[in-house]
Amino acid sequence: MSTTLTAPVADARPAASGNREQAGTPDGADGLYRRIARRETHSPRSLLAIVLAVLLILTLAWLGTEIVLALLGAPALLVAPADMFTSAVNLVDAPVGVVAAAGIVVALIGLVLVITAIAPGRRARHLLPTGRTVVVVDNEVIASALARHASLAGNVDPDNATVSVSHRRADVHLTPTSGIPVDQAAVIDDVSRQLESYRLTPAVTARVRIAENGRIGA
């Protein structure tokens, strides 16, 4: 999938009042397209927020249930509130190694959550600038194009060329025909040249791997 964002011509009629200031001038249009491009290439952290909210709700519901059961004198579902409090108080008497390990795990979880909250989520897409337009291309489209060029450069069947494109790297895996060697340097050169011609944002580097065992009649 690819989406083309085209800047309006200079003498275009003003847009509606809400967008007139942005779309009426080239600078406003550039800012508008930058925001659209960012929206198309970045994803919100909605899923993570929902998962954390659900976990927090379940934890609070469990604690509330344990407290109610303790007040009614019923057996606890998992741990009674009094036992949890006692365990927390006695934590200082636990071995230093256990306390340090628990602290490191909690710190790492907190660090991961903070980094996840601050860092923007990314979609499997790249920007491909073409003059006055900006094209948003799925990584699968880029991988398909690179697989075709890699198969031609390596003289292998297209079905034996697999490419996966991530945020910064394109991994090319070729399975040669038995008895026919593949020039890895030529494949790397061709794929790298294609990536340079695409001028992807962010830039992508290529890594080519050749399978040790070929396929008969591939």
C-alpha atoms as a PDB file:
ATOM      1  CA  MET A   1       0.000   0.000   0.000  1.00  0.00           C
ATOM      2  CA  SER A   2       1.231   3.476  -0.840  1.00  0.00           C
ATOM      3  CA  THR A   3      -0.325   6.884  -0.232  1.00  0.00           C
ATOM      4  CA  THR A   4       0.635   9.913  -2.272  1.00  0.00           C
ATOM      5  CA  LEU A   5       0.409  13.353  -0.680  1.00  0.00           C
ATOM      6  CA  THR A   6       0.522  16.129  -3.286  1.00  0.00           C
ATOM      7  CA  ALA A   7       1.159  19.758  -2.443  1.00  0.00           C
ATOM      8  CA  PRO A   8      -1.373  22.248  -3.900  1.00  0.00           C
ATOM      9  CA  VAL A   9      -0.327  24.663  -6.647  1.00  0.00           C
ATOM     10  CA  ALA A  10       0.445  28.243  -5.673  1.00  0.00           C
ATOM     11  CA  ASP A  11      -2.644  29.783  -7.353  1.00  0.00           C
ATOM     12  CA  ALA A  12      -5.099  27.294  -5.895  1.00  0.00           C
ATOM     13  CA  ARG A  13      -8.263  28.693  -4.333  1.00  0.00           C
ATOM     14  CA  PRO A  14      -8.173  29.226  -0.565  1.00  0.00           C
ATOM     15  CA  ALA A  15      -9.305  26.308   1.514  1.00  0.00           C
ATOM     16  CA  ALA A  16     -12.041  26.434   4.094  1.00  0.00           C
ATOM     17  CA  SER A  17     -11.669  28.938   6.914  1.00  0.00           C
ATOM     18  CA  GLY A  18     -10.314  26.328   9.329  1.00  0.00           C
ATOM     19  CA  ASN A  19      -7.388  25.399   7.017  1.00  0.00           C
ATOM     20  CA  ARG A  20      -6.911  28.618   5.066  1.00  0.00           C
ATOM     21  CA  GLU A  21      -3.791  29.711   6.906  1.00  0.00           C
ATOM     22  CA  GLN A  22      -2.028  26.373   6.362  1.00  0.00           C
ATOM     23  CA  ALA A  23      -3.137  25.406   2.859  1.00  0.00           C
ATOM     24  CA  GLY A  24      -3.038  28.880   1.350  1.00  0.00           C
ATOM     25  CA  THR A  25       0.745  29.153   1.410  1.00  0.00           C
ATOM     26  CA  PRO A  26       3.492  26.709   0.472  1.00  0.00           C
ATOM     27  CA  ASP A  27       4.949  26.919   3.974  1.00  0.00           C
ATOM     28  CA  GLY A  28       1.594  26.038   5.486  1.00  0.00           C
ATOM     29  CA  ALA A  29       1.205  23.154   3.039  1.00  0.00           C
ATOM     30  CA  ASP A  30       4.671  21.843   3.896  1.00  0.00           C
ATOM     31  CA  GLY A  31       3.819  21.889   7.581  1.00  0.00           C
ATOM     32  CA  LEU A  32       0.525  20.173   6.888  1.00  0.00           C
ATOM     33  CA  TYR A  33       2.177  17.401   4.891  1.00  0.00           C
ATOM     34  CA  ARG A  34       4.861  16.933   7.525  1.00  0.00           C
ATOM     35  CA  ARG A  35       2.151  16.333  10.099  1.00  0.00           C
ATOM     36  CA  ILE A  36       0.296  13.961   7.777  1.00  0.00           C
ATOM     37  CA  ALA A  37       3.504  12.065   6.991  1.00  0.00           C
ATOM     38  CA  ARG A  38       4.291  11.744  10.697  1.00  0.00           C
ATOM     39  CA  ARG A  39       0.769  10.519  11.405  1.00  0.00           C
ATOM     40  CA  GLU A  40       1.060   7.906   8.652  1.00  0.00           C
ATOM     41  CA  THR A  41       4.461   6.625   9.807  1.00  0.00           C
ATOM     42  CA  HIS A  42       3.944   6.754  13.584  1.00  0.00           C
ATOM     43  CA  SER A  43       1.399   4.925  15.692  1.00  0.00           C
ATOM     44  CA  PRO A  44      -0.063   5.882  19.067  1.00  0.00           C
ATOM     45  CA  ARG A  45       0.562   3.870  22.197  1.00  0.00           C
ATOM     46  CA  SER A  46      -3.121   3.066  22.579  1.00  0.00           C
ATOM     47  CA  LEU A  47      -2.621  -0.703  22.781  1.00  0.00           C
ATOM     48  CA  LEU A  48      -0.016  -0.435  25.540  1.00  0.00           C
ATOM     49  CA  ALA A  49      -2.175   2.035  27.472  1.00  0.00           C
ATOM     50  CA  ILE A  50      -5.189  -0.274  27.203  1.00  0.00           C
ATOM     51  CA  VAL A  51      -3.191  -3.315  28.346  1.00  0.00           C
ATOM     52  CA  LEU A  52      -1.763  -1.449  31.336  1.00  0.00           C
ATOM     53  CA  ALA A  53      -5.202  -0.075  32.238  1.00  0.00           C
ATOM     54  CA  VAL A  54      -6.741  -3.552  32.105  1.00  0.00           C
ATOM     55  CA  LEU A  55      -3.953  -4.993  34.274  1.00  0.00           C
ATOM     56  CA  LEU A  56      -4.353  -2.167  36.777  1.00  0.00           C
ATOM     57  CA  ILE A  57      -8.140  -2.651  36.914  1.00  0.00           C
ATOM     58  CA  LEU A  58      -7.772  -6.397  37.430  1.00  0.00           C
ATOM     59  CA  THR A  59      -5.179  -5.874  40.169  1.00  0.00           C
ATOM     60  CA  LEU A  60      -7.353  -3.352  42.009  1.00  0.00           C
ATOM     61  CA  ALA A  61     -10.397  -5.598  41.630  1.00  0.00           C
ATOM     62  CA  TRP A  62      -8.435  -8.520  43.092  1.00  0.00           C
ATOM     63  CA  LEU A  63      -7.182  -6.431  46.013  1.00  0.00           C
ATOM     64  CA  GLY A  64     -10.687  -5.175  46.688  1.00  0.00           C
ATOM     65  CA  THR A  65     -12.040  -8.714  46.616  1.00  0.00           C
ATOM     66  CA  GLU A  66      -9.346  -9.920  49.027  1.00  0.00           C
ATOM     67  CA  ILE A  67     -10.134  -7.087  51.448  1.00  0.00           C
ATOM     68  CA  VAL A  68     -13.874  -7.853  51.338  1.00  0.00           C
ATOM     69  CA  LEU A  69     -13.234 -11.555  51.912  1.00  0.00           C
ATOM     70  CA  ALA A  70     -10.924 -10.758  54.832  1.00  0.00           C
ATOM     71  CA  LEU A  71     -13.611  -8.541  56.421  1.00  0.00           C
ATOM     72  CA  LEU A  72     -16.196 -11.307  56.008  1.00  0.00           C
ATOM     73  CA  GLY A  73     -13.835 -13.889  57.477  1.00  0.00           C
ATOM     74  CA  ALA A  74     -13.849 -15.945  54.281  1.00  0.00           C
ATOM     75  CA  PRO A  75     -10.725 -17.659  52.950  1.00  0.00           C
ATOM     76  CA  ALA A  76      -8.599 -15.603  50.573  1.00  0.00           C
ATOM     77  CA  LEU A  77      -8.562 -16.201  46.851  1.00  0.00           C
ATOM     78  CA  LEU A  78      -4.768 -16.025  46.647  1.00  0.00           C
ATOM     79  CA  VAL A  79      -3.183 -14.093  49.508  1.00  0.00           C
ATOM     80  CA  ALA A  80      -4.853 -12.449  52.485  1.00  0.00           C
ATOM     81  CA  PRO A  81      -4.226  -8.701  52.933  1.00  0.00           C
ATOM     82  CA  ALA A  82      -2.618  -9.321  56.336  1.00  0.00           C
ATOM     83  CA  ASP A  83      -0.171 -11.792  54.806  1.00  0.00           C
ATOM     84  CA  MET A  84       0.687  -9.349  52.023  1.00  0.00           C
ATOM     85  CA  PHE A  85       1.388  -6.604  54.577  1.00  0.00           C
ATOM     86  CA  THR A  86       3.521  -8.938  56.677  1.00  0.00           C
ATOM     87  CA  SER A  87       5.519 -10.036  53.633  1.00  0.00           C
ATOM     88  CA  ALA A  88       6.136  -6.407  52.667  1.00  0.00           C
ATOM     89  CA  VAL A  89       7.331  -5.541  56.168  1.00  0.00           C
ATOM     90  CA  ASN A  90       9.611  -8.574  56.348  1.00  0.00           C
ATOM     91  CA  LEU A  91      11.130  -7.772  52.953  1.00  0.00           C
ATOM     92  CA  VAL A  92      13.920  -5.820  54.662  1.00  0.00           C
ATOM     93  CA  ASP A  93      15.027  -9.034  56.378  1.00  0.00           C
ATOM     94  CA  ALA A  94      15.303 -10.921  53.100  1.00  0.00           C
ATOM     95  CA  PRO A  95      18.746 -11.704  51.622  1.00  0.00           C
ATOM     96  CA  VAL A  96      20.423  -8.736  50.000  1.00  0.00           C
ATOM     97  CA  GLY A  97      20.753 -10.561  46.691  1.00  0.00           C
ATOM     98  CA  VAL A  98      17.016 -11.235  46.495  1.00  0.00           C
ATOM     99  CA  VAL A  99      16.124  -7.641  47.339  1.00  0.00           C
ATOM    100  CA  ALA A 100      18.666  -6.289  44.837  1.00  0.00           C
ATOM    101  CA  ALA A 101      17.419  -8.599  42.094  1.00  0.00           C
ATOM    102  CA  ALA A 102      13.804  -7.602  42.742  1.00  0.00           C
ATOM    103  CA  GLY A 103      14.781  -3.923  42.701  1.00  0.00           C
ATOM    104  CA  ILE A 104      16.634  -4.304  39.395  1.00  0.00           C
ATOM    105  CA  VAL A 105      13.671  -6.082  37.793  1.00  0.00           C
ATOM    106  CA  VAL A 106      11.254  -3.378  38.960  1.00  0.00           C
ATOM    107  CA  ALA A 107      13.638  -0.649  37.765  1.00  0.00           C
ATOM    108  CA  LEU A 108      13.993  -2.265  34.351  1.00  0.00           C
ATOM    109  CA  ILE A 109      10.221  -2.579  33.975  1.00  0.00           C
ATOM    110  CA  GLY A 110       9.822   1.071  34.906  1.00  0.00           C
ATOM    111  CA  LEU A 111      12.566   2.119  32.490  1.00  0.00           C
ATOM    112  CA  VAL A 112      10.964   0.167  29.647  1.00  0.00           C
ATOM    113  CA  LEU A 113       7.596   1.767  30.362  1.00  0.00           C
ATOM    114  CA  VAL A 114       9.102   5.268  30.474  1.00  0.00           C
ATOM    115  CA  ILE A 115      11.002   4.770  27.207  1.00  0.00           C
ATOM    116  CA  THR A 116       7.906   3.287  25.572  1.00  0.00           C
ATOM    117  CA  ALA A 117       5.820   6.231  26.712  1.00  0.00           C
ATOM    118  CA  ILE A 118       8.314   8.821  25.443  1.00  0.00           C
ATOM    119  CA  ALA A 119       9.491   7.176  22.215  1.00  0.00           C
ATOM    120  CA  PRO A 120       7.043   7.376  19.301  1.00  0.00           C
ATOM    121  CA  GLY A 121       5.495   4.207  17.980  1.00  0.00           C
ATOM    122  CA  ARG A 122       6.365   3.408  14.388  1.00  0.00           C
ATOM    123  CA  ARG A 123       4.331   1.846  11.641  1.00  0.00           C
ATOM    124  CA  ALA A 124       5.883  -0.476   9.055  1.00  0.00           C
ATOM    125  CA  ARG A 125       6.150   2.367   6.534  1.00  0.00           C
ATOM    126  CA  HIS A 126       8.699   4.712   4.997  1.00  0.00           C
ATOM    127  CA  LEU A 127       8.560   8.051   3.233  1.00  0.00           C
ATOM    128  CA  LEU A 128       9.614   8.343  -0.383  1.00  0.00           C
ATOM    129  CA  PRO A 129       9.974  11.991  -1.501  1.00  0.00           C
ATOM    130  CA  THR A 130       9.240  12.747  -5.169  1.00  0.00           C
ATOM    131  CA  GLY A 131       9.439  16.453  -5.953  1.00  0.00           C
ATOM    132  CA  ARG A 132       6.324  18.237  -4.713  1.00  0.00           C
ATOM    133  CA  THR A 133       4.797  15.055  -3.336  1.00  0.00           C
ATOM    134  CA  VAL A 134       5.467  12.721  -0.441  1.00  0.00           C
ATOM    135  CA  VAL A 135       4.703   9.033  -0.873  1.00  0.00           C
ATOM    136  CA  VAL A 136       4.075   6.824   2.168  1.00  0.00           C
ATOM    137  CA  VAL A 137       5.034   3.257   1.276  1.00  0.00           C
ATOM    138  CA  ASP A 138       4.466   0.071   3.255  1.00  0.00           C
ATOM    139  CA  ASN A 139       7.581  -1.939   4.049  1.00  0.00           C
ATOM    140  CA  GLU A 140       6.024  -4.918   2.251  1.00  0.00           C
ATOM    141  CA  VAL A 141       5.998  -2.940  -1.008  1.00  0.00           C
ATOM    142  CA  ILE A 142       9.667  -2.043  -0.570  1.00  0.00           C
ATOM    143  CA  ALA A 143      10.512  -5.654   0.266  1.00  0.00           C
ATOM    144  CA  SER A 144       8.724  -6.906  -2.838  1.00  0.00           C
ATOM    145  CA  ALA A 145      10.660  -4.522  -5.089  1.00  0.00           C
ATOM    146  CA  LEU A 146      13.974  -5.420  -3.478  1.00  0.00           C
ATOM    147  CA  ALA A 147      13.239  -9.144  -3.764  1.00  0.00           C
ATOM    148  CA  ARG A 148      12.732  -8.777  -7.500  1.00  0.00           C
ATOM    149  CA  HIS A 149      16.039  -6.927  -7.967  1.00  0.00           C
ATOM    150  CA  ALA A 150      17.894  -9.328  -5.664  1.00  0.00           C
ATOM    151  CA  SER A 151      16.636 -12.381  -7.542  1.00  0.00           C
ATOM    152  CA  LEU A 152      17.757 -10.888 -10.859  1.00  0.00           C
ATOM    153  CA  ALA A 153      21.159  -9.881  -9.512  1.00  0.00           C
ATOM    154  CA  GLY A 154      21.704 -13.269  -7.891  1.00  0.00           C
ATOM    155  CA  ASN A 155      20.261 -15.274 -10.805  1.00  0.00           C
ATOM    156  CA  VAL A 156      17.842 -17.162  -8.560  1.00  0.00           C
ATOM    157  CA  ASP A 157      14.158 -17.898  -8.861  1.00  0.00           C
ATOM    158  CA  PRO A 158      11.986 -15.052  -7.480  1.00  0.00           C
ATOM    159  CA  ASP A 159      10.296 -17.544  -5.156  1.00  0.00           C
ATOM    160  CA  ASN A 160      13.680 -18.180  -3.526  1.00  0.00           C
ATOM    161  CA  ALA A 161      14.301 -14.515  -2.689  1.00  0.00           C
ATOM    162  CA  THR A 162      12.936 -13.370   0.656  1.00  0.00           C
ATOM    163  CA  VAL A 163      13.230  -9.793   1.902  1.00  0.00           C
ATOM    164  CA  SER A 164      12.106  -8.276   5.172  1.00  0.00           C
ATOM    165  CA  VAL A 165      12.292  -4.517   5.705  1.00  0.00           C
ATOM    166  CA  SER A 166      12.445  -2.999   9.177  1.00  0.00           C
ATOM    167  CA  HIS A 167      12.848   0.591  10.294  1.00  0.00           C
ATOM    168  CA  ARG A 168      16.529   0.845   9.354  1.00  0.00           C
ATOM    169  CA  ARG A 169      17.481  -2.380   7.580  1.00  0.00           C
ATOM    170  CA  ALA A 170      16.499  -4.635   4.721  1.00  0.00           C
ATOM    171  CA  ASP A 171      17.397  -8.306   5.213  1.00  0.00           C
ATOM    172  CA  VAL A 172      17.718 -10.207   1.937  1.00  0.00           C
ATOM    173  CA  HIS A 173      17.844 -13.995   2.000  1.00  0.00           C
ATOM    174  CA  LEU A 174      18.543 -15.923  -1.203  1.00  0.00           C
ATOM    175  CA  THR A 175      18.400 -19.663  -1.789  1.00  0.00           C
ATOM    176  CA  PRO A 176      20.496 -20.488  -4.868  1.00  0.00           C
ATOM    177  CA  THR A 177      19.971 -23.252  -7.367  1.00  0.00           C
ATOM    178  CA  SER A 178      22.150 -26.259  -6.614  1.00  0.00           C
ATOM    179  CA  GLY A 179      25.436 -26.025  -8.492  1.00  0.00           C
ATOM    180  CA  ILE A 180      24.986 -22.348  -9.456  1.00  0.00           C
ATOM    181  CA  PRO A 181      26.879 -19.981  -7.136  1.00  0.00           C
ATOM    182  CA  VAL A 182      25.484 -16.562  -6.210  1.00  0.00           C
ATOM    183  CA  ASP A 183      27.680 -13.460  -6.329  1.00  0.00           C
ATOM    184  CA  GLN A 184      26.861 -11.951  -2.946  1.00  0.00           C
ATOM    185  CA  ALA A 185      28.794  -8.751  -3.673  1.00  0.00           C
ATOM    186  CA  ALA A 186      26.760  -8.147  -6.838  1.00  0.00           C
ATOM    187  CA  VAL A 187      23.508  -8.666  -4.962  1.00  0.00           C
ATOM    188  CA  ILE A 188      24.561  -6.278  -2.185  1.00  0.00           C
ATOM    189  CA  ASP A 189      25.614  -3.676  -4.742  1.00  0.00           C
ATOM    190  CA  ASP A 190      22.338  -3.919  -6.671  1.00  0.00           C
ATOM    191  CA  VAL A 191      20.102  -3.843  -3.594  1.00  0.00           C
ATOM    192  CA  SER A 192      22.059  -0.955  -2.060  1.00  0.00           C
ATOM    193  CA  ARG A 193      21.817   0.983  -5.306  1.00  0.00           C
ATOM    194  CA  GLN A 194      18.080   0.476  -5.393  1.00  0.00           C
ATOM    195  CA  LEU A 195      17.706   1.654  -1.807  1.00  0.00           C
ATOM    196  CA  GLU A 196      19.735   4.764  -2.581  1.00  0.00           C
ATOM    197  CA  SER A 197      17.528   5.514  -5.576  1.00  0.00           C
ATOM    198  CA  TYR A 198      14.392   5.260  -3.416  1.00  0.00           C
ATOM    199  CA  ARG A 199      15.744   7.903  -0.990  1.00  0.00           C
ATOM    200  CA  LEU A 200      13.705   6.422   1.814  1.00  0.00           C
ATOM    201  CA  THR A 201      13.150   8.318   5.036  1.00  0.00           C
ATOM    202  CA  PRO A 202      14.492   7.030   7.357  1.00  0.00           C
ATOM    203  CA  ALA A 203      17.335   5.549   5.331  1.00  0.00           C
ATOM    204  CA  VAL A 204      17.565   1.766   5.047  1.00  0.00           C
ATOM    205  CA  THR A 205      20.728  -0.325   4.700  1.00  0.00           C
ATOM    206  CA  ALA A 206      20.853  -3.763   3.125  1.00  0.00           C
ATOM    207  CA  ARG A 207      22.149  -7.055   4.480  1.00  0.00           C
ATOM    208  CA  VAL A 208      22.327 -10.053   2.152  1.00  0.00           C
ATOM    209  CA  ARG A 209      22.560 -13.673   3.251  1.00  0.00           C
ATOM    210  CA  ILE A 210      23.003 -16.635   0.928  1.00  0.00           C
ATOM    211  CA  ALA A 211      21.733 -20.047   2.009  1.00  0.00           C
ATOM    212  CA  GLU A 212      24.467 -22.658   2.299  1.00  0.00           C
ATOM    213  CA  ASN A 213      22.303 -25.379   0.763  1.00  0.00           C
ATOM    214  CA  GLY A 214      20.733 -24.777  -2.636  1.00  0.00           C
ATOM    215  CA  ARG A 215      17.570 -26.209  -4.124  1.00  0.00           C
ATOM    216  CA  ILE A 216      17.492 -28.622  -7.021  1.00  0.00           C
ATOM    217  CA  GLY A 217      15.724 -27.120  -9.985  1.00  0.00           C
ATOM    218  CA  ALA A 218      15.018 -23.893  -8.092  1.00  0.00           C
END
